[in-house]
Protein backbone atom coordinates (compact mmCIF):
# COMPACT_ATOMS: atom_id res chain seq x y z
CA MET A 1 -170.09 -151.99 3.22
CA SER A 2 -172.16 -154.12 0.89
CA ILE A 3 -175.88 -154.08 0.21
CA GLN A 4 -177.74 -157.37 -0.01
CA ARG A 5 -181.41 -158.19 -0.45
CA GLU A 6 -183.01 -160.02 2.48
CA GLY A 7 -186.55 -160.88 1.48
CA ASN A 8 -188.27 -157.66 0.45
CA ARG A 9 -185.77 -155.31 2.11
CA LEU A 10 -182.17 -154.32 1.62
CA ALA A 11 -179.60 -155.19 4.26
CA PHE A 12 -176.33 -153.36 4.72
CA LYS A 13 -173.44 -155.61 5.66
CA GLN A 14 -170.48 -153.95 7.36
CA LYS A 15 -167.28 -155.46 5.99
CA THR A 16 -164.93 -153.14 7.79
CA LYS A 17 -164.07 -153.37 11.42
CA MET A 18 -164.85 -150.49 13.73
CA GLY A 19 -162.30 -150.25 16.45
CA SER A 20 -159.47 -148.39 18.03
CA VAL A 21 -156.20 -147.67 16.29
CA ALA A 22 -154.89 -150.83 17.98
CA ASP A 23 -157.67 -152.96 16.45
CA ALA A 24 -158.44 -151.68 12.94
CA GLY A 25 -155.79 -152.54 10.37
CA GLU A 26 -154.81 -151.24 6.96
CA ALA A 27 -157.66 -152.96 5.12
CA ASP A 28 -160.20 -151.40 7.49
CA PHE A 29 -158.53 -148.00 7.12
CA ASN A 30 -158.59 -148.24 3.32
CA ALA A 31 -162.24 -149.31 3.32
CA TYR A 32 -163.27 -146.19 5.27
CA ILE A 33 -161.19 -143.95 3.02
CA ASP A 34 -162.75 -145.55 -0.07
CA LEU A 35 -166.30 -145.34 1.31
CA ASN A 36 -166.24 -141.88 2.85
CA ILE A 37 -163.59 -139.92 0.95
CA LYS A 38 -162.90 -141.38 -2.48
CA SER A 39 -166.56 -142.14 -3.19
CA VAL A 40 -167.61 -138.58 -2.34
CA TYR A 41 -164.87 -136.98 -4.40
CA PHE A 42 -165.38 -139.12 -7.49
CA THR A 43 -169.18 -139.01 -7.32
CA VAL A 44 -169.09 -135.21 -7.39
CA HIS A 45 -166.38 -135.25 -10.06
CA LYS A 46 -168.41 -137.55 -12.34
CA ALA A 47 -171.73 -135.77 -11.68
CA LEU A 48 -170.54 -132.24 -12.47
CA PRO A 49 -170.77 -132.46 -16.27
CA HIS A 50 -174.44 -133.46 -15.88
CA MET A 51 -175.40 -130.77 -13.36
CA ASN A 52 -177.10 -127.48 -14.11
CA ASP A 53 -175.52 -124.22 -13.05
CA GLY A 54 -177.06 -123.09 -9.77
CA ALA A 55 -177.52 -126.65 -8.51
CA SER A 56 -177.10 -127.78 -4.93
CA ILE A 57 -174.84 -130.61 -3.76
CA ILE A 58 -175.42 -132.01 -0.28
CA LEU A 59 -172.67 -134.14 1.20
CA VAL A 60 -173.32 -136.35 4.22
CA GLY A 61 -170.91 -135.71 7.06
CA SER A 62 -171.24 -136.74 10.69
CA ILE A 63 -170.79 -135.24 14.10
CA ALA A 64 -167.93 -137.74 14.36
CA GLY A 65 -166.05 -135.28 12.14
CA HIS A 66 -166.07 -132.87 15.13
CA ARG A 67 -166.09 -135.05 18.24
CA ALA A 68 -164.05 -138.07 19.09
CA PHE A 69 -166.02 -141.20 19.88
CA PRO A 70 -164.40 -144.44 21.05
CA GLY A 71 -163.69 -147.03 18.40
CA VAL A 72 -164.24 -144.87 15.32
CA PRO A 73 -161.18 -142.66 14.76
CA VAL A 74 -160.86 -143.47 11.04
CA TYR A 75 -164.58 -142.96 10.47
CA GLY A 76 -164.39 -139.59 12.25
CA ALA A 77 -161.37 -138.49 10.24
CA SER A 78 -163.03 -139.52 6.97
CA LYS A 79 -166.17 -137.53 7.83
CA ALA A 80 -164.02 -134.49 8.73
CA ALA A 81 -162.62 -134.75 5.20
CA VAL A 82 -166.15 -134.74 3.77
CA ILE A 83 -166.94 -131.57 5.72
CA SER A 84 -163.79 -129.99 4.32
CA PHE A 85 -164.71 -131.08 0.78
CA ALA A 86 -167.89 -128.95 0.96
CA ARG A 87 -165.82 -125.81 1.55
CA GLY A 88 -163.25 -126.64 -1.12
CA PHE A 89 -165.77 -127.79 -3.72
CA SER A 90 -167.78 -124.61 -3.11
CA LEU A 91 -164.79 -122.45 -4.01
CA ASP A 92 -164.12 -124.55 -7.10
CA LEU A 93 -167.73 -124.27 -8.28
CA LEU A 94 -168.48 -120.60 -7.59
CA ASP A 95 -168.32 -119.75 -11.28
CA ARG A 96 -171.19 -122.19 -11.92
CA LYS A 97 -173.13 -121.01 -8.85
CA ILE A 98 -173.25 -124.60 -7.61
CA ARG A 99 -173.42 -124.55 -3.86
CA VAL A 100 -172.03 -127.41 -1.83
CA ASN A 101 -172.99 -127.97 1.79
CA THR A 102 -172.73 -130.75 4.31
CA LEU A 103 -175.52 -132.29 6.37
CA SER A 104 -174.00 -133.87 9.48
CA PRO A 105 -176.27 -136.10 11.54
CA GLY A 106 -175.87 -137.29 15.06
CA THR A 107 -177.64 -140.38 16.36
CA ILE A 108 -180.55 -141.21 14.06
CA ASP A 109 -183.07 -143.98 14.71
CA THR A 110 -182.35 -146.30 11.79
CA PRO A 111 -181.93 -150.06 11.41
CA VAL A 112 -178.17 -149.63 11.92
CA PHE A 113 -178.75 -150.24 15.64
CA ASP A 114 -179.80 -153.80 14.79
CA LYS A 115 -176.61 -154.35 12.78
CA PHE A 116 -174.13 -153.48 15.51
CA ILE A 117 -176.00 -154.17 18.74
CA PRO A 118 -177.60 -157.41 19.92
CA GLU A 119 -181.40 -157.13 19.66
CA GLU A 120 -181.93 -157.49 23.41
CA GLN A 121 -179.65 -154.48 24.05
CA VAL A 122 -180.99 -152.06 21.41
CA ASN A 123 -183.51 -150.30 23.68
CA ALA A 124 -180.94 -149.88 26.46
CA VAL A 125 -178.39 -148.41 24.05
CA LYS A 126 -181.00 -146.05 22.60
CA LYS A 127 -181.83 -144.92 26.14
CA ILE A 128 -178.14 -144.16 26.82
CA TRP A 129 -177.95 -142.06 23.65
CA THR A 130 -181.25 -140.31 24.40
CA ASP A 131 -179.94 -139.32 27.83
CA LEU A 132 -176.85 -137.75 26.20
CA ILE A 133 -178.75 -135.72 23.59
CA PRO A 134 -179.79 -132.28 24.87
CA ALA A 135 -182.99 -132.36 22.77
CA GLY A 136 -184.00 -135.45 24.76
CA ARG A 137 -184.58 -137.77 21.83
CA ILE A 138 -182.82 -139.67 19.08
CA GLY A 139 -183.22 -138.09 15.65
CA GLN A 140 -185.63 -139.47 13.11
CA PRO A 141 -184.89 -139.92 9.40
CA SER A 142 -187.45 -137.16 8.72
CA ASP A 143 -185.30 -134.73 10.73
CA LEU A 144 -182.52 -135.22 8.20
CA GLY A 145 -184.92 -135.22 5.27
CA ASN A 146 -186.32 -131.84 6.28
CA ALA A 147 -182.81 -130.40 6.62
CA ALA A 148 -181.83 -131.81 3.21
CA VAL A 149 -184.94 -130.31 1.59
CA PHE A 150 -183.93 -126.90 2.96
CA LEU A 151 -180.35 -127.23 1.66
CA ALA A 152 -181.62 -128.32 -1.76
CA SER A 153 -184.22 -125.57 -2.01
CA ASP A 154 -184.05 -122.01 -3.29
CA ASP A 155 -184.50 -120.92 0.34
CA SER A 156 -180.81 -121.73 0.87
CA THR A 157 -179.22 -120.06 -2.15
CA PHE A 158 -177.01 -117.94 0.14
CA VAL A 159 -175.87 -120.97 2.15
CA VAL A 160 -172.58 -122.00 0.56
CA GLY A 161 -169.79 -124.24 1.83
CA THR A 162 -171.28 -124.67 5.25
CA GLU A 163 -172.45 -127.51 7.43
CA LEU A 164 -175.86 -128.09 8.91
CA ILE A 165 -175.47 -130.19 12.05
CA SER A 166 -178.62 -132.13 12.92
CA ASP A 167 -177.79 -133.85 16.20
CA GLY A 168 -180.16 -132.55 18.87
CA GLY A 169 -177.42 -130.35 20.36
CA VAL A 170 -174.74 -132.99 20.98
CA THR A 171 -171.93 -131.21 19.16
CA ASN A 172 -172.49 -127.66 20.28
CA ILE A 173 -174.22 -127.66 23.65
CA THR A 174 -173.70 -130.95 25.41
CA MET A 175 -171.22 -131.29 28.26
CA PHE A 176 -169.91 -134.83 27.73
CA GLY A 177 -166.76 -135.87 25.89
């Protein structure tokens, strides 16, 4: 994924292909591994010397790390690795009291819809997702922000190596898939 400026906003350009195992090749596979696994590992690795003891690290997972969705098996596997990193990193960093947790979103109302779905179909696709989410709505960026603030705060000092799933109930209480 690359980031480019379009006027006064940033645009994210997907360079990798989403698709089934029959469609996505080695370059696509490597791009997801680089983006979602290597970048997480080496960001934490490089940040540690600059972090205070007792700090909080929040990794971004995805419900795709728990549930299979069509066309994104490599993405899902890479996010499962991120979720696992939080547990492993937490054990490694216990002596410094640095807690590592994962925030895993479900469908969130962001401009990504416009990047992958033709504009005239966006509302219909959002309606399909809304109907599948037990909470009856697509998540908002503030839903994730509030969860991240909790994980970063002193209110969560006993929350270590876990995952906070913010998906409106899709992973744990829905009956599809």
